[in-house]
């Protein structure tokens, strides 16, 4: 990544991507623990559908995620 990239997307102080990933995995694991295959499919379909419709992760699933900016809508280019 070059200097232009870092000027456009400066690091977010205190943001740890790997820690965020681990927290998300732990939340999903707790939410889906003991689910049957059919329940897992419904869980992922429901959360995926919510993301596709809004461009955001449902607040129950988001936890402490930080977004730099509003995500683009499906089919919209930046």
Protein backbone atom coordinates (compact mmCIF):
# COMPACT_ATOMS: atom_id res chain seq x y z
CA UNK A 1 0.00 0.00 0.00
CA UNK A 2 1.32 3.38 -0.91
CA UNK A 3 1.21 6.82 0.68
CA UNK A 4 -1.85 7.84 -1.36
CA UNK A 5 -3.81 4.91 0.11
CA UNK A 6 -2.90 5.88 3.69
CA UNK A 7 -3.84 9.53 3.04
CA UNK A 8 -7.27 8.45 1.84
CA UNK A 9 -7.73 5.76 4.51
CA UNK A 10 -5.75 6.76 7.60
CA UNK A 11 -5.50 4.18 10.39
CA UNK A 12 -8.19 4.36 13.06
CA UNK A 13 -6.51 4.82 16.46
CA UNK A 14 -7.18 1.89 18.77
CA UNK A 15 -8.75 -0.25 16.02
CA UNK A 16 -7.62 -3.90 16.05
CA UNK A 17 -8.99 -5.82 13.07
CA UNK A 18 -7.90 -9.24 14.35
CA UNK A 19 -9.49 -8.65 17.76
CA UNK A 20 -12.71 -7.53 16.04
CA UNK A 21 -12.69 -10.70 13.92
CA UNK A 22 -12.23 -12.87 17.02
CA UNK A 23 -15.08 -11.10 18.85
CA UNK A 24 -17.37 -11.58 15.85
CA UNK A 25 -16.48 -15.27 15.62
CA UNK A 26 -17.14 -15.71 19.34
CA UNK A 27 -20.56 -13.97 19.09
CA UNK A 28 -21.54 -16.16 16.13
CA UNK A 29 -20.32 -19.28 17.93
CA UNK A 30 -22.38 -18.44 21.05
CA UNK A 31 -25.45 -17.56 18.97
CA UNK A 32 -25.28 -20.76 16.89
CA UNK A 33 -24.05 -23.24 19.49
CA UNK A 34 -26.26 -26.32 19.50
CA UNK A 35 -28.22 -25.34 16.38
CA UNK A 36 -29.27 -27.99 13.92
CA UNK A 37 -28.19 -27.72 10.28
CA UNK A 38 -31.59 -26.27 9.36
CA UNK A 39 -31.37 -23.70 12.16
CA UNK A 40 -27.85 -22.71 11.05
CA UNK A 41 -29.05 -22.24 7.47
CA UNK A 42 -31.92 -20.03 8.69
CA UNK A 43 -29.54 -18.03 10.94
CA UNK A 44 -27.13 -17.29 8.08
CA UNK A 45 -29.94 -16.61 5.62
CA UNK A 46 -31.59 -14.17 8.05
CA UNK A 47 -28.40 -12.24 8.86
CA UNK A 48 -27.30 -12.25 5.21
CA UNK A 49 -30.70 -11.00 4.10
CA UNK A 50 -30.58 -8.17 6.65
CA UNK A 51 -27.11 -7.16 5.41
CA UNK A 52 -28.15 -7.21 1.74
CA UNK A 53 -31.24 -5.10 2.46
CA UNK A 54 -29.58 -2.46 4.62
CA UNK A 55 -25.88 -2.68 3.84
CA UNK A 56 -25.30 -2.93 7.58
CA UNK A 57 -24.79 -5.74 10.03
CA UNK A 58 -27.84 -6.09 12.33
CA UNK A 59 -27.10 -4.25 15.60
CA UNK A 60 -27.48 -7.46 17.61
CA UNK A 61 -24.70 -9.00 15.50
CA UNK A 62 -22.51 -5.91 15.21
CA UNK A 63 -21.41 -5.66 18.82
CA UNK A 64 -18.65 -3.07 18.99
CA UNK A 65 -17.76 -2.90 15.30
CA UNK A 66 -16.63 0.49 14.04
CA UNK A 67 -17.44 1.58 10.50
CA UNK A 68 -15.31 4.21 8.81
CA UNK A 69 -18.14 5.31 6.53
CA UNK A 70 -21.55 4.24 5.34
CA UNK A 71 -21.26 1.15 3.13
CA UNK A 72 -22.32 1.48 -0.49
CA UNK A 73 -25.63 0.05 -1.59
CA UNK A 74 -25.63 -3.12 -3.70
CA UNK A 75 -24.87 -2.22 -7.30
CA UNK A 76 -23.57 1.24 -6.34
CA UNK A 77 -19.96 2.03 -7.16
CA UNK A 78 -17.65 4.27 -5.18
